[in-house]
Amino acid sequence: MVVNTTAVAVLLITFFALILLRVNIAFAVGAASTLCLMYLGMPLSNVCQQMVKGLNSFSLMAVPFFITMGCLMGTGGISEKLIALANSLVGWMRGGMAMVNIVASYFFGGISGSATADTASLGNILIPMMVGQGYDDDFSTAVTITSSVEGLLVPPSHNMVIYATAAGGVSVGALFMAGDIPGALLAVSLMIGSYIISVKRNYPKGEAFDIKVFLRQLSKSFWALAAVLIVVAGVVGGIFTATESAAIAVIYSMLVSVFIYRGLDWKGVWRVLGECIDTLSIVLILCATSSIFGYCLTYLHVPDLASMAISGLTDNPIVLTLLINIILLFLGCIMDMAPIILIATPILLPLAKSIGIDPVQFGIIIVLNCGIGLLTPPVGTCLFIGSAVSKVSIERIVKAALPFYVCMIVTLLAVSFIPQVSLFLPSIFIK
């Protein structure tokens, strides 16, 4: 294997230099790749070809549909109903509003599939509500941002579709099913952490559990939760592809938001669709430019080099698994979620497979790692959104979130070292 070390250096140094200069990640990826191809003397037509190839995927078309679905449901009056449902279920506990926050994130995450949407939508409602009931503002914000990561694991998640595309040959339906138990495990671990802190600080608890109230709130939330059932059942049952189910979900969420919950009118629908364009354009441009970057990495044998370098340190699968997680957590500190998935998957997946990690399990590992990255400075998107919503400084939020980071790391270790946490449901439902 002949390695052009100078070309590798041009590619990686240019990329990280542009990142440090705070150039948009999509443009940094594209510029570094183009410069590398120019150094190699390849025709620049390869850039256009690879960009088209990166977007020419039927599965990838599910991503804009899922994002649009999340935007419609997130602004269509869904949040309040899911909060009420969560309150009727767990509000009776000590620190009840913190528990409501975590459970509501689980429900809302399954609808939006986005941690940032979860933080912005639920945070605007729950953080002021918690502060008004006597909870510390930094604690309220910390609970909100950490619980938002559940939305990345609970199906449908567009980040899983991005991973499936980057990994090649991984079933989207299997990934959807694989995220349920880790998402629930993360919610339980955060609830345990919240309960311990709530008891220590004597935070209030809500009204006693009433089955009639719960059933009433469940009936009101049914139409929102049904969107998740339609998507998951359709994909897992083989009725629809992920892209087809996502398109159906967009139509369904539009009808529910306009005609049932009446949180949007038709002008509001057009406004939401217009707001979606910014997110969609960034994601699709990133997918296109990442395809060029991936082409350069493959051509220069970077995945093989990285695999040999990491495996050369040790042959212990436990240590290698920890190293993979450390690398992903570090990348999460400096990069956003989608580019990490697109860039790191072709590099780290072969190594993960070599030590016995199933591609579906690795998908959950990388998504959870990237989710934690959304909460860590200097690039933590959810961290900054939470700070903007609550008007609490980043430093105070990070300090308040430290116990929850521990809960998330425990969940990550469970997902990394206990394959059945991720693979149990796919083994039953995906044949």
Protein backbone atom coordinates (compact mmCIF):
# COMPACT_ATOMS: atom_id res chain seq x y z
CA MET A 1 0.00 0.00 0.00
CA VAL A 2 1.58 3.23 -1.23
CA VAL A 3 0.59 6.26 0.82
CA ASN A 4 0.92 9.83 -0.38
CA THR A 5 1.64 11.41 2.99
CA THR A 6 1.87 14.93 1.55
CA ALA A 7 -1.63 14.66 0.06
CA VAL A 8 -2.97 13.34 3.36
CA ALA A 9 -1.35 16.28 5.14
CA VAL A 10 -2.82 18.75 2.62
CA LEU A 11 -6.28 17.29 3.14
CA LEU A 12 -6.28 17.10 6.94
CA ILE A 13 -4.27 20.24 7.74
CA THR A 14 -6.41 22.34 5.40
CA PHE A 15 -9.58 20.91 6.92
CA PHE A 16 -8.61 21.54 10.54
CA ALA A 17 -7.15 24.96 9.71
CA LEU A 18 -10.45 26.03 8.15
CA ILE A 19 -12.34 24.65 11.16
CA LEU A 20 -10.13 26.70 13.49
CA LEU A 21 -10.81 29.75 11.33
CA ARG A 22 -14.55 29.06 11.98
CA VAL A 23 -15.35 28.40 8.33
CA ASN A 24 -18.68 26.59 7.90
CA ILE A 25 -18.05 22.87 8.21
CA ALA A 26 -19.61 22.04 4.82
CA PHE A 27 -17.40 24.56 3.02
CA ALA A 28 -14.34 23.50 5.01
CA VAL A 29 -14.86 19.88 3.95
CA GLY A 30 -15.40 20.87 0.31
CA ALA A 31 -12.44 23.27 0.14
CA ALA A 32 -10.02 20.80 1.77
CA SER A 33 -11.12 18.04 -0.60
CA THR A 34 -10.83 20.27 -3.67
CA LEU A 35 -7.34 21.42 -2.68
CA CYS A 36 -6.29 17.80 -2.15
CA LEU A 37 -7.57 16.76 -5.58
CA MET A 38 -5.76 19.70 -7.17
CA TYR A 39 -2.52 18.63 -5.47
CA LEU A 40 -3.01 15.08 -6.77
CA GLY A 41 -3.50 16.46 -10.28
CA MET A 42 -6.99 15.04 -10.65
CA PRO A 43 -9.57 16.82 -12.81
CA LEU A 44 -11.88 19.08 -10.84
CA SER A 45 -14.82 17.43 -12.59
CA ASN A 46 -14.36 14.73 -9.92
CA VAL A 47 -15.64 17.28 -7.39
CA CYS A 48 -18.95 17.65 -9.22
CA GLN A 49 -19.24 13.92 -9.84
CA GLN A 50 -18.69 13.04 -6.19
CA MET A 51 -21.11 15.74 -4.97
CA VAL A 52 -23.83 14.38 -7.24
CA LYS A 53 -22.98 10.85 -6.14
CA GLY A 54 -23.25 11.91 -2.50
CA LEU A 55 -26.81 13.12 -2.99
CA ASN A 56 -27.91 10.46 -5.47
CA SER A 57 -29.33 8.15 -2.83
CA PHE A 58 -32.96 7.23 -2.39
CA SER A 59 -32.40 6.44 1.30
CA LEU A 60 -30.81 9.83 1.88
CA MET A 61 -34.00 11.55 0.69
CA ALA A 62 -35.56 10.43 3.97
CA VAL A 63 -33.42 13.02 5.79
CA PRO A 64 -35.15 16.19 4.48
CA PHE A 65 -38.54 14.54 4.98
CA PHE A 66 -37.82 13.64 8.61
CA ILE A 67 -36.45 17.13 9.29
CA THR A 68 -39.58 18.68 7.76
CA MET A 69 -41.79 16.36 9.82
CA GLY A 70 -39.99 17.45 12.99
CA CYS A 71 -40.39 21.14 12.12
CA LEU A 72 -44.13 20.75 11.48
CA MET A 73 -44.84 18.69 14.58
CA GLY A 74 -42.59 20.85 16.76
CA THR A 75 -44.50 24.03 15.94
CA GLY A 76 -47.97 22.56 15.58
CA GLY A 77 -49.03 22.56 19.23
CA ILE A 78 -47.53 19.19 20.04
CA SER A 79 -45.13 20.23 22.83
CA GLU A 80 -47.80 21.24 25.33
CA LYS A 81 -49.72 17.99 24.92
CA LEU A 82 -46.63 15.84 25.35
CA ILE A 83 -45.64 17.80 28.47
CA ALA A 84 -49.12 17.26 29.91
CA LEU A 85 -48.86 13.53 29.12
CA ALA A 86 -45.45 13.28 30.79
CA ASN A 87 -46.71 15.22 33.81
CA SER A 88 -49.63 12.84 34.28
CA LEU A 89 -47.20 9.90 34.14
CA VAL A 90 -44.22 10.95 36.31
CA GLY A 91 -45.08 14.37 37.77
CA TRP A 92 -45.93 12.83 41.15
CA MET A 93 -42.28 11.98 41.91
CA ARG A 94 -39.84 14.09 43.93
CA GLY A 95 -38.41 16.55 41.41
CA GLY A 96 -41.47 15.82 39.31
CA MET A 97 -40.92 18.59 36.75
CA ALA A 98 -37.41 17.31 36.05
CA MET A 99 -38.89 13.85 35.43
CA VAL A 100 -41.55 15.44 33.21
CA ASN A 101 -38.79 17.18 31.26
CA ILE A 102 -36.94 13.90 30.66
CA VAL A 103 -40.03 11.86 29.71
CA ALA A 104 -41.40 14.66 27.51
CA SER A 105 -38.05 14.71 25.68
CA TYR A 106 -38.41 10.98 25.05
CA PHE A 107 -41.85 11.51 23.53
CA PHE A 108 -40.95 14.69 21.64
CA GLY A 109 -37.65 13.26 20.42
CA GLY A 110 -39.49 10.43 18.77
CA ILE A 111 -41.47 13.03 16.83
CA SER A 112 -38.81 15.61 15.98
CA GLY A 113 -35.75 13.35 15.84
CA SER A 114 -33.68 16.38 16.71
CA ALA A 115 -31.92 17.31 19.96
CA THR A 116 -31.76 20.98 19.03
CA ALA A 117 -35.49 21.12 18.24
CA ASP A 118 -36.19 19.38 21.53
CA THR A 119 -34.07 21.87 23.48
CA ALA A 120 -35.60 24.89 21.80
CA SER A 121 -39.24 23.75 21.85
CA LEU A 122 -39.49 22.11 25.27
CA GLY A 123 -36.92 24.44 26.84
CA ASN A 124 -38.99 27.53 26.09
CA ILE A 125 -41.89 25.99 28.02
CA LEU A 126 -40.33 23.84 30.73
CA ILE A 127 -37.36 25.91 31.91
CA PRO A 128 -39.50 28.93 32.96
CA MET A 129 -42.07 26.51 34.41
CA MET A 130 -39.44 24.70 36.51
CA VAL A 131 -37.85 27.94 37.72
CA GLY A 132 -41.30 29.22 38.69
CA GLN A 133 -41.84 26.11 40.83
CA GLY A 134 -38.60 26.55 42.77
CA TYR A 135 -36.03 24.66 40.69
CA ASP A 136 -32.61 26.23 40.15
CA ASP A 137 -32.27 27.76 36.70
CA ASP A 138 -28.95 26.02 35.95
CA PHE A 139 -30.37 22.64 37.01
CA SER A 140 -33.49 23.18 34.88
CA THR A 141 -31.38 24.01 31.85
CA ALA A 142 -29.01 21.09 32.43
CA VAL A 143 -31.91 18.63 32.58
CA THR A 144 -33.40 20.09 29.40
CA ILE A 145 -30.26 19.91 27.26
CA THR A 146 -29.11 16.47 28.43
CA SER A 147 -32.53 14.86 28.02
CA SER A 148 -32.75 16.25 24.47
CA VAL A 149 -30.17 13.66 23.37
CA GLU A 150 -32.87 11.00 23.78
CA GLY A 151 -34.41 12.32 20.56
CA LEU A 152 -31.36 11.18 18.59
CA LEU A 153 -31.85 7.58 19.70
CA VAL A 154 -35.63 7.26 19.64
CA PRO A 155 -36.92 6.56 16.11
CA PRO A 156 -37.38 8.09 13.68
CA SER A 157 -33.99 9.81 13.71
CA HIS A 158 -32.64 11.37 10.53
CA ASN A 159 -29.11 10.99 11.92
CA MET A 160 -29.57 7.21 11.76
CA VAL A 161 -30.46 7.54 8.09
CA ILE A 162 -27.27 9.56 7.54
CA TYR A 163 -25.27 6.84 9.30
CA ALA A 164 -26.94 4.09 7.26
CA THR A 165 -25.98 5.94 4.08
CA ALA A 166 -22.39 6.50 5.23
CA ALA A 167 -22.00 2.91 6.43
CA GLY A 168 -23.55 1.34 3.33
CA GLY A 169 -25.78 -1.71 3.59
CA VAL A 170 -27.02 -1.07 7.15
CA SER A 171 -30.78 -1.44 7.57
CA VAL A 172 -32.55 1.77 8.58
CA GLY A 173 -35.31 -0.32 10.15
CA ALA A 174 -32.77 -2.18 12.29
CA LEU A 175 -31.26 1.12 13.41
CA PHE A 176 -34.70 2.46 14.33
CA MET A 177 -35.43 -0.58 16.47
CA ALA A 178 -31.91 -0.55 17.95
CA GLY A 179 -32.35 2.96 19.35
CA ASP A 180 -35.42 2.26 21.51
CA ILE A 181 -33.78 0.50 24.47
CA PRO A 182 -30.68 2.78 24.59
CA GLY A 183 -33.02 5.79 24.46
CA ALA A 184 -35.08 4.39 27.34
CA LEU A 185 -31.92 3.48 29.25
CA LEU A 186 -30.62 7.02 28.84
CA ALA A 187 -33.94 8.42 30.08
CA VAL A 188 -33.89 6.13 33.15
CA SER A 189 -30.28 7.03 34.01
CA LEU A 190 -31.05 10.76 33.75
CA MET A 191 -34.16 10.28 35.92
CA ILE A 192 -32.08 8.53 38.58
CA GLY A 193 -29.58 11.38 38.56
CA SER A 194 -32.38 13.95 38.69
CA TYR A 195 -34.10 12.15 41.57
CA ILE A 196 -30.93 12.04 43.66
CA ILE A 197 -30.33 15.77 43.15
CA SER A 198 -34.02 16.57 43.74
CA VAL A 199 -34.07 14.70 47.05
CA LYS A 200 -30.83 16.42 48.12
CA ARG A 201 -32.19 19.88 47.27
CA ASN A 202 -35.78 19.11 48.35
CA TYR A 203 -37.33 20.04 45.03
CA PRO A 204 -41.16 19.81 44.97
CA LYS A 205 -43.24 16.93 43.68
CA GLY A 206 -46.51 17.18 41.79
CA GLU A 207 -49.98 15.79 42.28
CA ALA A 208 -50.54 12.10 42.92
CA PHE A 209 -50.80 9.78 39.94
CA ASP A 210 -54.33 9.48 38.55
CA ILE A 211 -54.98 6.84 35.91
CA LYS A 212 -57.99 8.77 34.56
CA VAL A 213 -55.90 11.90 34.01
CA PHE A 214 -53.19 9.83 32.33
CA LEU A 215 -55.63 8.16 29.95
CA ARG A 216 -57.20 11.52 29.12
CA GLN A 217 -53.82 13.05 28.29
CA LEU A 218 -52.84 9.94 26.33
CA SER A 219 -55.94 10.29 24.18
CA LYS A 220 -55.08 13.94 23.50
CA SER A 221 -51.50 13.01 22.54
CA PHE A 222 -52.46 9.98 20.48
CA TRP A 223 -52.37 11.73 17.12
CA ALA A 224 -48.86 13.02 17.76
CA LEU A 225 -47.49 9.69 18.97
CA ALA A 226 -49.16 7.91 16.05
CA ALA A 227 -46.71 9.61 13.68
CA VAL A 228 -43.87 7.64 15.25
CA LEU A 229 -45.85 4.41 15.07
CA ILE A 230 -46.61 4.97 11.38
CA VAL A 231 -42.96 5.51 10.51
CA VAL A 232 -41.47 2.72 12.64
CA ALA A 233 -44.16 0.15 11.87
CA GLY A 234 -44.00 0.98 8.18
CA VAL A 235 -40.21 0.63 7.95
CA VAL A 236 -39.81 -2.37 10.27
CA GLY A 237 -42.81 -4.16 8.79
CA GLY A 238 -41.49 -3.74 5.28
CA ILE A 239 -44.57 -1.80 4.19
CA PHE A 240 -42.60 1.32 3.27
CA THR A 241 -39.01 2.22 2.73
CA ALA A 242 -37.56 4.80 5.12
CA THR A 243 -37.96 7.49 2.46
CA GLU A 244 -41.57 6.57 1.68
CA SER A 245 -42.51 6.45 5.37
CA ALA A 246 -40.84 9.83 5.92
CA ALA A 247 -42.83 11.38 3.07
CA ILE A 248 -46.07 9.94 4.47
CA ALA A 249 -45.13 11.25 7.91
CA VAL A 250 -44.71 14.78 6.52
CA ILE A 251 -48.23 14.71 5.04
CA TYR A 252 -49.60 13.19 8.24
CA SER A 253 -47.91 15.76 10.51
CA MET A 254 -49.18 18.59 8.30
CA LEU A 255 -52.77 17.34 8.54
CA VAL A 256 -52.55 16.74 12.31
CA SER A 257 -51.03 20.17 12.98
CA VAL A 258 -53.59 22.02 10.84
CA PHE A 259 -56.84 20.11 11.27
CA ILE A 260 -56.62 18.23 14.60
CA TYR A 261 -54.40 20.24 16.96
CA ARG A 262 -54.91 23.49 15.04
CA GLY A 263 -51.50 24.73 16.08
CA LEU A 264 -50.83 25.86 12.52
CA ASP A 265 -52.83 27.37 9.70
CA TRP A 266 -51.81 27.10 6.06
CA LYS A 267 -49.79 30.32 6.28
CA GLY A 268 -48.01 28.85 9.27
CA VAL A 269 -47.26 25.68 7.29
CA TRP A 270 -45.59 27.71 4.55
CA ARG A 271 -43.64 29.67 7.18
CA VAL A 272 -42.39 26.46 8.83
CA LEU A 273 -41.43 24.98 5.46
CA GLY A 274 -39.49 28.15 4.70
CA GLU A 275 -37.66 27.89 8.03
CA CYS A 276 -36.81 24.25 7.25
CA ILE A 277 -34.95 25.26 4.11
CA ASP A 278 -31.98 26.62 6.08
CA THR A 279 -31.51 23.33 7.94
CA LEU A 280 -32.15 21.21 4.88
CA SER A 281 -29.69 23.14 2.73
CA ILE A 282 -26.91 22.85 5.32
CA VAL A 283 -27.47 19.09 5.76
CA LEU A 284 -27.63 18.35 2.02
CA ILE A 285 -24.60 20.52 1.17
CA LEU A 286 -22.72 18.72 3.92
CA CYS A 287 -23.72 15.33 2.52
CA ALA A 288 -22.51 16.42 -0.92
CA THR A 289 -19.15 17.80 0.21
CA SER A 290 -18.60 14.91 2.63
CA SER A 291 -18.85 12.57 -0.32
CA ILE A 292 -15.81 14.29 -1.89
CA PHE A 293 -13.99 14.13 1.45
CA GLY A 294 -14.80 10.43 1.79
CA TYR A 295 -13.53 9.83 -1.75
CA CYS A 296 -10.24 11.53 -0.89
CA LEU A 297 -9.91 9.55 2.35
CA THR A 298 -10.51 6.27 0.54
CA TYR A 299 -8.17 7.12 -2.34
CA LEU A 300 -5.40 8.01 0.12
CA HIS A 301 -6.03 4.89 2.27
CA VAL A 302 -6.66 7.01 5.37
CA PRO A 303 -9.20 4.55 6.91
CA ASP A 304 -6.63 1.74 6.60
CA LEU A 305 -3.91 3.94 8.07
CA ALA A 306 -6.13 5.02 10.97
CA SER A 307 -7.19 1.44 11.64
CA MET A 308 -3.59 0.22 11.66
CA ALA A 309 -2.48 3.12 13.86
CA ILE A 310 -5.18 2.55 16.45
CA SER A 311 -4.96 -1.24 16.42
CA GLY A 312 -1.16 -0.93 16.61
CA LEU A 313 -1.52 0.57 20.08
CA THR A 314 -3.23 -2.54 21.46
CA ASP A 315 -5.15 -5.62 20.35
CA ASN A 316 -7.42 -5.58 23.39
CA PRO A 317 -11.01 -5.12 22.14
CA ILE A 318 -12.08 -3.40 25.38
CA VAL A 319 -9.32 -0.80 25.10
CA LEU A 320 -10.01 -0.34 21.38
CA THR A 321 -13.70 0.23 22.09
CA LEU A 322 -12.79 2.84 24.70
CA LEU A 323 -10.39 4.51 22.22
CA ILE A 324 -13.13 4.69 19.58
CA ASN A 325 -15.45 6.35 22.10
CA ILE A 326 -12.75 8.80 23.19
CA ILE A 327 -12.07 9.76 19.56
CA LEU A 328 -15.77 10.32 18.90
CA LEU A 329 -16.21 12.34 22.10
CA PHE A 330 -13.24 14.51 21.14
CA LEU A 331 -14.63 15.08 17.65
CA GLY A 332 -17.96 15.99 19.26
CA CYS A 333 -16.23 18.85 21.06
CA ILE A 334 -15.05 20.48 17.83
CA MET A 335 -17.54 19.39 15.15
CA ASP A 336 -21.29 19.14 14.67
CA MET A 337 -23.11 15.83 14.53
CA ALA A 338 -23.72 15.20 10.83
CA PRO A 339 -20.13 15.80 9.67
CA ILE A 340 -18.80 13.48 12.40
CA ILE A 341 -21.10 10.70 11.22
CA LEU A 342 -20.24 11.24 7.56
CA ILE A 343 -16.48 11.53 8.07
CA ALA A 344 -15.81 9.18 11.00
CA THR A 345 -18.03 6.27 9.89
CA PRO A 346 -15.88 5.09 6.94
CA ILE A 347 -12.75 5.46 9.11
CA LEU A 348 -13.88 3.85 12.36
CA LEU A 349 -16.50 1.32 11.22
CA PRO A 350 -13.94 -1.15 9.75
CA LEU A 351 -12.01 -1.02 13.03
CA ALA A 352 -15.20 -1.52 15.04
CA LYS A 353 -16.18 -4.52 12.91
CA SER A 354 -12.72 -6.02 13.34
CA ILE A 355 -13.21 -6.17 17.12
CA GLY A 356 -16.68 -7.68 16.86
CA ILE A 357 -18.92 -4.62 17.07
CA ASP A 358 -22.00 -5.04 14.89
CA PRO A 359 -22.57 -2.18 12.37
CA VAL A 360 -26.03 -1.56 13.87
CA GLN A 361 -24.58 -1.38 17.38
CA PHE A 362 -21.84 0.94 16.13
CA GLY A 363 -24.51 3.20 14.65
CA ILE A 364 -26.04 3.67 18.09
CA ILE A 365 -22.58 4.19 19.62
CA ILE A 366 -21.64 6.93 17.16
CA VAL A 367 -25.06 8.66 17.43
CA LEU A 368 -24.91 8.68 21.24
CA ASN A 369 -21.31 9.94 21.22
CA CYS A 370 -22.28 12.72 18.83
CA GLY A 371 -25.28 13.51 21.02
CA ILE A 372 -23.01 14.03 24.01
CA GLY A 373 -20.89 16.23 21.74
CA LEU A 374 -23.89 18.55 21.32
CA LEU A 375 -23.59 19.33 25.04
CA THR A 376 -19.84 19.93 25.27
CA PRO A 377 -18.02 23.18 24.53
CA PRO A 378 -16.78 24.79 22.40
CA VAL A 379 -19.22 23.68 19.68
CA GLY A 380 -22.08 22.21 21.77
CA THR A 381 -25.17 23.37 19.86
CA CYS A 382 -27.72 22.31 22.48
CA LEU A 383 -25.57 23.88 25.19
CA PHE A 384 -25.72 27.26 23.49
CA ILE A 385 -29.44 26.96 22.70
CA GLY A 386 -30.14 26.09 26.33
CA SER A 387 -28.10 29.08 27.48
CA ALA A 388 -29.95 31.38 25.08
CA VAL A 389 -33.36 30.13 26.25
CA SER A 390 -32.65 30.23 29.99
CA LYS A 391 -30.29 33.25 30.04
CA VAL A 392 -27.89 31.18 32.18
CA SER A 393 -24.15 31.29 31.47
CA ILE A 394 -22.44 28.38 29.73
CA GLU A 395 -20.12 27.90 32.71
CA ARG A 396 -23.00 27.44 35.18
CA ILE A 397 -24.87 25.07 32.85
CA VAL A 398 -21.80 22.88 32.31
CA LYS A 399 -21.18 22.71 36.07
CA ALA A 400 -24.82 21.79 36.72
CA ALA A 401 -24.76 19.19 33.95
CA LEU A 402 -21.72 17.30 35.29
CA PRO A 403 -23.82 14.63 37.13
CA PHE A 404 -25.86 14.14 33.96
CA TYR A 405 -22.69 13.74 31.87
CA VAL A 406 -21.84 10.85 34.20
CA CYS A 407 -25.28 9.31 33.59
CA MET A 408 -24.79 9.63 29.83
CA ILE A 409 -21.30 8.09 29.94
CA VAL A 410 -22.67 5.13 31.92
CA THR A 411 -25.33 4.64 29.23
CA LEU A 412 -22.67 4.93 26.52
CA LEU A 413 -20.54 2.25 28.19
CA ALA A 414 -23.58 -0.03 28.46
CA VAL A 415 -24.33 0.44 24.75
CA SER A 416 -20.66 -0.11 23.85
CA PHE A 417 -20.02 -3.25 25.89
CA ILE A 418 -23.42 -4.94 26.03
CA PRO A 419 -24.43 -5.62 22.40
CA GLN A 420 -27.93 -6.79 23.27
CA VAL A 421 -28.87 -3.35 24.56
CA SER A 422 -28.90 -2.29 20.92
CA LEU A 423 -29.39 -5.59 19.10
CA PHE A 424 -32.17 -7.26 21.12
CA LEU A 425 -35.13 -5.58 19.38
CA PRO A 426 -33.65 -5.81 15.84
CA SER A 427 -33.01 -9.53 16.41
CA ILE A 428 -36.72 -10.00 17.16
CA PHE A 429 -38.37 -7.74 14.60
CA ILE A 430 -35.84 -7.60 11.73
CA LYS A 431 -35.46 -10.89 9.90
